[in-house]
Amino acid sequence: MNGIEKITQRIQSDAQAEINAVLTQAREEAAQITARYEAQAQVETTELRAKNERSAAEREERLVSAAQMEARKTALATKQELVERAYALALEKLCALPEKEYTEVLAKLLVQASSTGREEVVFSSQDRERIGKAAVARANEMLAAAAAPDLPSASGKVGEILGKVVAGVSAIAQGTAMLSLSEETRPMRGGFILKDQNVEVNCTFETLVRLQRAETAGAVAKKLFG
């Protein structure tokens, strides 16, 4: 091998070594870059997964909260409906009282509602026909008894009759116990309206139950649901 070949071979050998070194360094740098990006990708993947998990947890929490709110609304609506039903049943029971008991209830209400004892009593057409006269007569009897002085010894049949006569005379003298049955009728489920010229007192059962509802709904709900 002459000198030129040796020089050429050495140049090739040195070039190959340099190439190998450059390739090795390039591979190492590529591996480092790959590792760095893989690590970064892993971090971002972990962060994204955690973010997605938080988003999922927050969405689940929102859905649970919305479901609980809807459940409370439904429960409240159901309770309100049951309270309403309780008052509706009370109204139905009032209107369905046996005739004698119904008449007595109306008479007592008339006594409580009357301020002069000379008002007109307006019933529904059905109640006017059925118990109107009896209720007004019973109310006048109670008003008269309240206006009359007590007799010292009003016993027996004679005493009873005498007591009623004295009560009637006393009531007339005081201008009370003169409730009258109006010719007018109005649509109502039960109860009555008292008229004294232009002044009216609404004692229909619908109105009385509505007023009671305003005052006692809380107590009724507590009784029903604890």
C-alpha atoms as a PDB file:
ATOM      1  CA  MET A   1       0.000   0.000   0.000  1.00  0.00           C
ATOM      2  CA  ASN A   2       1.561   3.274  -1.097  1.00  0.00           C
ATOM      3  CA  GLY A   3       1.434   6.506   0.789  1.00  0.00           C
ATOM      4  CA  ILE A   4      -1.506   7.984  -1.041  1.00  0.00           C
ATOM      5  CA  GLU A   5      -3.727   4.987  -0.286  1.00  0.00           C
ATOM      6  CA  LYS A   6      -2.765   5.150   3.358  1.00  0.00           C
ATOM      7  CA  ILE A   7      -3.636   8.816   3.551  1.00  0.00           C
ATOM      8  CA  THR A   8      -6.918   8.191   1.740  1.00  0.00           C
ATOM      9  CA  GLN A   9      -7.800   5.322   4.042  1.00  0.00           C
ATOM     10  CA  ARG A  10      -6.957   7.383   7.106  1.00  0.00           C
ATOM     11  CA  ILE A  11      -9.109  10.250   5.858  1.00  0.00           C
ATOM     12  CA  GLN A  12     -11.989   7.860   5.270  1.00  0.00           C
ATOM     13  CA  SER A  13     -11.485   6.312   8.685  1.00  0.00           C
ATOM     14  CA  ASP A  14     -11.427   9.712  10.388  1.00  0.00           C
ATOM     15  CA  ALA A  15     -14.482  10.828   8.411  1.00  0.00           C
ATOM     16  CA  GLN A  16     -16.358   7.694   9.346  1.00  0.00           C
ATOM     17  CA  ALA A  17     -15.446   8.161  13.005  1.00  0.00           C
ATOM     18  CA  GLU A  18     -16.627  11.758  12.881  1.00  0.00           C
ATOM     19  CA  ILE A  19     -19.801  10.687  11.142  1.00  0.00           C
ATOM     20  CA  ASN A  20     -20.387   8.021  13.771  1.00  0.00           C
ATOM     21  CA  ALA A  21     -19.786  10.545  16.545  1.00  0.00           C
ATOM     22  CA  VAL A  22     -22.191  13.020  14.958  1.00  0.00           C
ATOM     23  CA  LEU A  23     -24.790  10.298  14.494  1.00  0.00           C
ATOM     24  CA  THR A  24     -24.362   9.149  18.084  1.00  0.00           C
ATOM     25  CA  GLN A  25     -24.742  12.697  19.361  1.00  0.00           C
ATOM     26  CA  ALA A  26     -27.778  13.235  17.118  1.00  0.00           C
ATOM     27  CA  ARG A  27     -29.352  10.040  18.393  1.00  0.00           C
ATOM     28  CA  GLU A  28     -28.712  11.078  21.997  1.00  0.00           C
ATOM     29  CA  GLU A  29     -30.150  14.529  21.401  1.00  0.00           C
ATOM     30  CA  ALA A  30     -33.150  12.989  19.632  1.00  0.00           C
ATOM     31  CA  ALA A  31     -33.674  10.607  22.530  1.00  0.00           C
ATOM     32  CA  GLN A  32     -33.453  13.481  24.997  1.00  0.00           C
ATOM     33  CA  ILE A  33     -35.901  15.559  22.968  1.00  0.00           C
ATOM     34  CA  THR A  34     -38.227  12.552  22.657  1.00  0.00           C
ATOM     35  CA  ALA A  35     -37.995  11.867  26.395  1.00  0.00           C
ATOM     36  CA  ARG A  36     -38.633  15.544  27.182  1.00  0.00           C
ATOM     37  CA  TYR A  37     -41.694  15.688  24.963  1.00  0.00           C
ATOM     38  CA  GLU A  38     -42.940  12.354  26.252  1.00  0.00           C
ATOM     39  CA  ALA A  39     -42.598  13.651  29.813  1.00  0.00           C
ATOM     40  CA  GLN A  40     -44.357  16.870  28.844  1.00  0.00           C
ATOM     41  CA  ALA A  41     -47.058  14.883  27.082  1.00  0.00           C
ATOM     42  CA  GLN A  42     -47.449  12.698  30.168  1.00  0.00           C
ATOM     43  CA  VAL A  43     -47.782  15.760  32.390  1.00  0.00           C
ATOM     44  CA  GLU A  44     -50.336  17.336  30.068  1.00  0.00           C
ATOM     45  CA  THR A  45     -52.192  14.045  29.799  1.00  0.00           C
ATOM     46  CA  THR A  46     -52.275  13.754  33.595  1.00  0.00           C
ATOM     47  CA  GLU A  47     -53.402  17.368  33.945  1.00  0.00           C
ATOM     48  CA  LEU A  48     -56.059  16.900  31.266  1.00  0.00           C
ATOM     49  CA  ARG A  49     -57.284  13.714  32.944  1.00  0.00           C
ATOM     50  CA  ALA A  50     -57.428  15.473  36.305  1.00  0.00           C
ATOM     51  CA  LYS A  51     -59.230  18.416  34.707  1.00  0.00           C
ATOM     52  CA  ASN A  52     -61.704  16.070  33.041  1.00  0.00           C
ATOM     53  CA  GLU A  53     -62.218  14.254  36.338  1.00  0.00           C
ATOM     54  CA  ARG A  54     -62.838  17.577  38.105  1.00  0.00           C
ATOM     55  CA  SER A  55     -65.221  18.630  35.351  1.00  0.00           C
ATOM     56  CA  ALA A  56     -67.016  15.299  35.619  1.00  0.00           C
ATOM     57  CA  ALA A  57     -67.192  15.605  39.420  1.00  0.00           C
ATOM     58  CA  GLU A  58     -68.479  19.186  39.161  1.00  0.00           C
ATOM     59  CA  ARG A  59     -71.070  18.154  36.597  1.00  0.00           C
ATOM     60  CA  GLU A  60     -72.142  15.251  38.784  1.00  0.00           C
ATOM     61  CA  GLU A  61     -72.417  17.608  41.751  1.00  0.00           C
ATOM     62  CA  ARG A  62     -74.516  20.034  39.705  1.00  0.00           C
ATOM     63  CA  LEU A  63     -76.776  17.224  38.519  1.00  0.00           C
ATOM     64  CA  VAL A  64     -77.205  15.891  42.067  1.00  0.00           C
ATOM     65  CA  SER A  65     -77.946  19.393  43.361  1.00  0.00           C
ATOM     66  CA  ALA A  66     -80.498  19.970  40.576  1.00  0.00           C
ATOM     67  CA  ALA A  67     -82.106  16.593  41.292  1.00  0.00           C
ATOM     68  CA  GLN A  68     -82.318  17.387  45.009  1.00  0.00           C
ATOM     69  CA  MET A  69     -83.845  20.788  44.276  1.00  0.00           C
ATOM     70  CA  GLU A  70     -86.376  19.211  41.925  1.00  0.00           C
ATOM     71  CA  ALA A  71     -87.189  16.605  44.560  1.00  0.00           C
ATOM     72  CA  ARG A  72     -87.755  19.350  47.152  1.00  0.00           C
ATOM     73  CA  LYS A  73     -89.991  21.225  44.726  1.00  0.00           C
ATOM     74  CA  THR A  74     -91.997  18.071  44.044  1.00  0.00           C
ATOM     75  CA  ALA A  75     -92.296  17.304  47.761  1.00  0.00           C
ATOM     76  CA  LEU A  76     -93.390  20.883  48.508  1.00  0.00           C
ATOM     77  CA  ALA A  77     -95.953  20.848  45.691  1.00  0.00           C
ATOM     78  CA  THR A  78     -97.302  17.522  46.967  1.00  0.00           C
ATOM     79  CA  LYS A  79     -97.584  18.877  50.516  1.00  0.00           C
ATOM     80  CA  GLN A  80     -99.338  22.016  49.288  1.00  0.00           C
ATOM     81  CA  GLU A  81    -101.735  19.886  47.283  1.00  0.00           C
ATOM     82  CA  LEU A  82    -102.504  17.734  50.330  1.00  0.00           C
ATOM     83  CA  VAL A  83    -103.087  20.823  52.498  1.00  0.00           C
ATOM     84  CA  GLU A  84    -105.436  22.195  49.833  1.00  0.00           C
ATOM     85  CA  ARG A  85    -107.189  18.844  49.768  1.00  0.00           C
ATOM     86  CA  ALA A  86    -107.637  18.949  53.547  1.00  0.00           C
ATOM     87  CA  TYR A  87    -109.461  22.280  53.329  1.00  0.00           C
ATOM     88  CA  ALA A  88    -111.485  21.095  50.336  1.00  0.00           C
ATOM     89  CA  LEU A  89    -112.568  18.055  52.366  1.00  0.00           C
ATOM     90  CA  ALA A  90    -113.459  20.307  55.306  1.00  0.00           C
ATOM     91  CA  LEU A  91    -115.682  22.371  52.991  1.00  0.00           C
ATOM     92  CA  GLU A  92    -117.300  19.215  51.614  1.00  0.00           C
ATOM     93  CA  LYS A  93    -117.995  17.912  55.116  1.00  0.00           C
ATOM     94  CA  LEU A  94    -119.531  21.233  56.190  1.00  0.00           C
ATOM     95  CA  CYS A  95    -121.859  21.254  53.196  1.00  0.00           C
ATOM     96  CA  ALA A  96    -122.782  17.591  53.737  1.00  0.00           C
ATOM     97  CA  LEU A  97    -123.802  17.893  57.418  1.00  0.00           C
ATOM     98  CA  PRO A  98    -127.131  16.275  58.351  1.00  0.00           C
ATOM     99  CA  GLU A  99    -129.983  18.751  58.025  1.00  0.00           C
ATOM    100  CA  LYS A 100    -130.587  19.246  61.760  1.00  0.00           C
ATOM    101  CA  GLU A 101    -126.886  19.745  62.529  1.00  0.00           C
ATOM    102  CA  TYR A 102    -126.475  21.971  59.466  1.00  0.00           C
ATOM    103  CA  THR A 103    -129.381  24.169  60.595  1.00  0.00           C
ATOM    104  CA  GLU A 104    -127.895  24.501  64.098  1.00  0.00           C
ATOM    105  CA  VAL A 105    -124.470  25.432  62.694  1.00  0.00           C
ATOM    106  CA  LEU A 106    -126.026  28.125  60.487  1.00  0.00           C
ATOM    107  CA  ALA A 107    -128.079  29.479  63.394  1.00  0.00           C
ATOM    108  CA  LYS A 108    -125.007  29.804  65.617  1.00  0.00           C
ATOM    109  CA  LEU A 109    -123.098  31.494  62.786  1.00  0.00           C
ATOM    110  CA  LEU A 110    -126.001  33.900  62.289  1.00  0.00           C
ATOM    111  CA  VAL A 111    -125.912  34.848  65.965  1.00  0.00           C
ATOM    112  CA  GLN A 112    -122.149  35.400  65.854  1.00  0.00           C
ATOM    113  CA  ALA A 113    -122.240  37.391  62.599  1.00  0.00           C
ATOM    114  CA  SER A 114    -125.267  39.555  63.368  1.00  0.00           C
ATOM    115  CA  SER A 115    -124.526  43.011  64.746  1.00  0.00           C
ATOM    116  CA  THR A 116    -128.083  44.436  64.921  1.00  0.00           C
ATOM    117  CA  GLY A 117    -130.324  41.383  64.912  1.00  0.00           C
ATOM    118  CA  ARG A 118    -132.327  42.962  62.092  1.00  0.00           C
ATOM    119  CA  GLU A 119    -130.390  41.872  59.002  1.00  0.00           C
ATOM    120  CA  GLU A 120    -131.676  39.973  55.993  1.00  0.00           C
ATOM    121  CA  VAL A 121    -130.264  36.491  55.482  1.00  0.00           C
ATOM    122  CA  VAL A 122    -129.395  35.443  51.939  1.00  0.00           C
ATOM    123  CA  PHE A 123    -128.946  31.724  51.246  1.00  0.00           C
ATOM    124  CA  SER A 124    -128.360  29.679  48.136  1.00  0.00           C
ATOM    125  CA  SER A 125    -131.607  28.713  46.415  1.00  0.00           C
ATOM    126  CA  GLN A 126    -131.240  25.132  47.671  1.00  0.00           C
ATOM    127  CA  ASP A 127    -130.540  26.097  51.290  1.00  0.00           C
ATOM    128  CA  ARG A 128    -133.285  28.734  51.318  1.00  0.00           C
ATOM    129  CA  GLU A 129    -135.816  26.140  50.290  1.00  0.00           C
ATOM    130  CA  ARG A 130    -134.463  23.405  52.543  1.00  0.00           C
ATOM    131  CA  ILE A 131    -133.500  25.024  55.858  1.00  0.00           C
ATOM    132  CA  GLY A 132    -133.743  28.802  55.420  1.00  0.00           C
ATOM    133  CA  LYS A 133    -136.787  29.431  57.634  1.00  0.00           C
ATOM    134  CA  ALA A 134    -135.666  26.982  60.300  1.00  0.00           C
ATOM    135  CA  ALA A 135    -132.159  28.436  60.535  1.00  0.00           C
ATOM    136  CA  VAL A 136    -133.405  32.042  60.780  1.00  0.00           C
ATOM    137  CA  ALA A 137    -136.065  31.088  63.338  1.00  0.00           C
ATOM    138  CA  ARG A 138    -133.512  29.225  65.458  1.00  0.00           C
ATOM    139  CA  ALA A 139    -131.084  32.165  65.267  1.00  0.00           C
ATOM    140  CA  ASN A 140    -133.829  34.597  66.349  1.00  0.00           C
ATOM    141  CA  GLU A 141    -134.694  32.267  69.230  1.00  0.00           C
ATOM    142  CA  MET A 142    -131.047  32.285  70.375  1.00  0.00           C
ATOM    143  CA  LEU A 143    -130.798  36.077  70.018  1.00  0.00           C
ATOM    144  CA  ALA A 144    -134.016  36.494  72.015  1.00  0.00           C
ATOM    145  CA  ALA A 145    -132.785  34.200  74.763  1.00  0.00           C
ATOM    146  CA  ALA A 146    -129.582  36.232  75.000  1.00  0.00           C
ATOM    147  CA  ALA A 147    -131.554  39.490  75.226  1.00  0.00           C
ATOM    148  CA  ALA A 148    -134.104  38.299  77.845  1.00  0.00           C
ATOM    149  CA  PRO A 149    -133.578  38.439  81.627  1.00  0.00           C
ATOM    150  CA  ASP A 150    -133.382  35.108  83.421  1.00  0.00           C
ATOM    151  CA  LEU A 151    -136.610  34.102  85.161  1.00  0.00           C
ATOM    152  CA  PRO A 152    -136.170  32.980  88.763  1.00  0.00           C
ATOM    153  CA  SER A 153    -138.232  29.820  88.312  1.00  0.00           C
ATOM    154  CA  ALA A 154    -139.050  28.969  84.734  1.00  0.00           C
ATOM    155  CA  SER A 155    -139.508  25.218  85.024  1.00  0.00           C
ATOM    156  CA  GLY A 156    -141.930  22.821  83.382  1.00  0.00           C
ATOM    157  CA  LYS A 157    -143.928  23.340  80.218  1.00  0.00           C
ATOM    158  CA  VAL A 158    -145.618  26.501  81.457  1.00  0.00           C
ATOM    159  CA  GLY A 159    -142.311  27.947  82.583  1.00  0.00           C
ATOM    160  CA  GLU A 160    -140.748  27.121  79.223  1.00  0.00           C
ATOM    161  CA  ILE A 161    -143.555  28.841  77.314  1.00  0.00           C
ATOM    162  CA  LEU A 162    -143.413  31.819  79.667  1.00  0.00           C
ATOM    163  CA  GLY A 163    -139.641  32.044  79.173  1.00  0.00           C
ATOM    164  CA  LYS A 164    -139.995  32.105  75.405  1.00  0.00           C
ATOM    165  CA  VAL A 165    -142.732  34.788  75.600  1.00  0.00           C
ATOM    166  CA  VAL A 166    -140.613  36.965  77.888  1.00  0.00           C
ATOM    167  CA  ALA A 167    -137.582  36.461  75.639  1.00  0.00           C
ATOM    168  CA  GLY A 168    -139.571  37.430  72.553  1.00  0.00           C
ATOM    169  CA  VAL A 169    -141.040  40.536  74.160  1.00  0.00           C
ATOM    170  CA  SER A 170    -137.616  41.570  75.480  1.00  0.00           C
ATOM    171  CA  ALA A 171    -136.013  41.062  72.066  1.00  0.00           C
ATOM    172  CA  ILE A 172    -138.697  43.135  70.348  1.00  0.00           C
ATOM    173  CA  ALA A 173    -138.269  45.873  72.937  1.00  0.00           C
ATOM    174  CA  GLN A 174    -134.528  45.944  72.238  1.00  0.00           C
ATOM    175  CA  GLY A 175    -134.989  45.735  68.491  1.00  0.00           C
ATOM    176  CA  THR A 176    -133.094  42.458  68.121  1.00  0.00           C
ATOM    177  CA  ALA A 177    -133.964  38.872  67.192  1.00  0.00           C
ATOM    178  CA  MET A 178    -135.596  40.183  64.034  1.00  0.00           C
ATOM    179  CA  LEU A 179    -133.492  38.485  61.396  1.00  0.00           C
ATOM    180  CA  SER A 180    -135.492  37.919  58.213  1.00  0.00           C
ATOM    181  CA  LEU A 181    -135.198  35.459  55.374  1.00  0.00           C
ATOM    182  CA  SER A 182    -134.362  37.321  52.177  1.00  0.00           C
ATOM    183  CA  GLU A 183    -136.219  36.594  48.960  1.00  0.00           C
ATOM    184  CA  GLU A 184    -132.881  36.923  47.182  1.00  0.00           C
ATOM    185  CA  THR A 185    -130.665  33.902  46.615  1.00  0.00           C
ATOM    186  CA  ARG A 186    -127.064  33.704  45.460  1.00  0.00           C
ATOM    187  CA  PRO A 187    -124.766  30.954  44.177  1.00  0.00           C
ATOM    188  CA  MET A 188    -122.805  29.497  47.099  1.00  0.00           C
ATOM    189  CA  ARG A 189    -122.017  26.013  48.350  1.00  0.00           C
ATOM    190  CA  GLY A 190    -123.092  26.677  51.915  1.00  0.00           C
ATOM    191  CA  GLY A 191    -123.430  29.332  54.590  1.00  0.00           C
ATOM    192  CA  PHE A 192    -125.099  32.682  54.014  1.00  0.00           C
ATOM    193  CA  ILE A 193    -124.690  36.421  53.446  1.00  0.00           C
ATOM    194  CA  LEU A 194    -126.051  38.921  55.963  1.00  0.00           C
ATOM    195  CA  LYS A 195    -127.452  42.121  54.468  1.00  0.00           C
ATOM    196  CA  ASP A 196    -128.147  45.338  56.354  1.00  0.00           C
ATOM    197  CA  GLN A 197    -129.085  47.851  53.694  1.00  0.00           C
ATOM    198  CA  ASN A 198    -125.805  48.421  51.785  1.00  0.00           C
ATOM    199  CA  VAL A 199    -123.622  46.521  54.230  1.00  0.00           C
ATOM    200  CA  GLU A 200    -122.982  42.817  53.656  1.00  0.00           C
ATOM    201  CA  VAL A 201    -121.212  40.235  55.777  1.00  0.00           C
ATOM    202  CA  ASN A 202    -119.969  37.236  53.788  1.00  0.00           C
ATOM    203  CA  CYS A 203    -120.390  34.064  55.845  1.00  0.00           C
ATOM    204  CA  THR A 204    -120.402  31.593  52.981  1.00  0.00           C
ATOM    205  CA  PHE A 205    -118.585  28.396  53.835  1.00  0.00           C
ATOM    206  CA  GLU A 206    -116.191  28.978  50.944  1.00  0.00           C
ATOM    207  CA  THR A 207    -115.105  32.314  52.454  1.00  0.00           C
ATOM    208  CA  LEU A 208    -114.920  30.967  56.014  1.00  0.00           C
ATOM    209  CA  VAL A 209    -112.748  28.024  54.944  1.00  0.00           C
ATOM    210  CA  ARG A 210    -110.491  30.336  52.918  1.00  0.00           C
ATOM    211  CA  LEU A 211    -110.028  32.632  55.934  1.00  0.00           C
ATOM    212  CA  GLN A 212    -109.293  29.652  58.146  1.00  0.00           C
ATOM    213  CA  ARG A 213    -106.736  28.450  55.626  1.00  0.00           C
ATOM    214  CA  ALA A 214    -104.887  31.749  55.817  1.00  0.00           C
ATOM    215  CA  GLU A 215    -104.706  31.454  59.611  1.00  0.00           C
ATOM    216  CA  THR A 216    -104.142  27.741  60.110  1.00  0.00           C
ATOM    217  CA  ALA A 217    -102.323  26.398  57.026  1.00  0.00           C
ATOM    218  CA  GLY A 218     -99.022  26.146  58.917  1.00  0.00           C
ATOM    219  CA  ALA A 219    -100.585  24.233  61.791  1.00  0.00           C
ATOM    220  CA  VAL A 220    -102.425  21.932  59.389  1.00  0.00           C
ATOM    221  CA  ALA A 221     -99.212  21.197  57.468  1.00  0.00           C
ATOM    222  CA  LYS A 222     -97.405  20.472  60.738  1.00  0.00           C
ATOM    223  CA  LYS A 223    -100.217  18.145  61.790  1.00  0.00           C
ATOM    224  CA  LEU A 224    -100.160  16.338  58.453  1.00  0.00           C
ATOM    225  CA  PHE A 225     -96.403  16.020  57.967  1.00  0.00           C
ATOM    226  CA  GLY A 226     -94.862  16.460  61.413  1.00  0.00           C
END
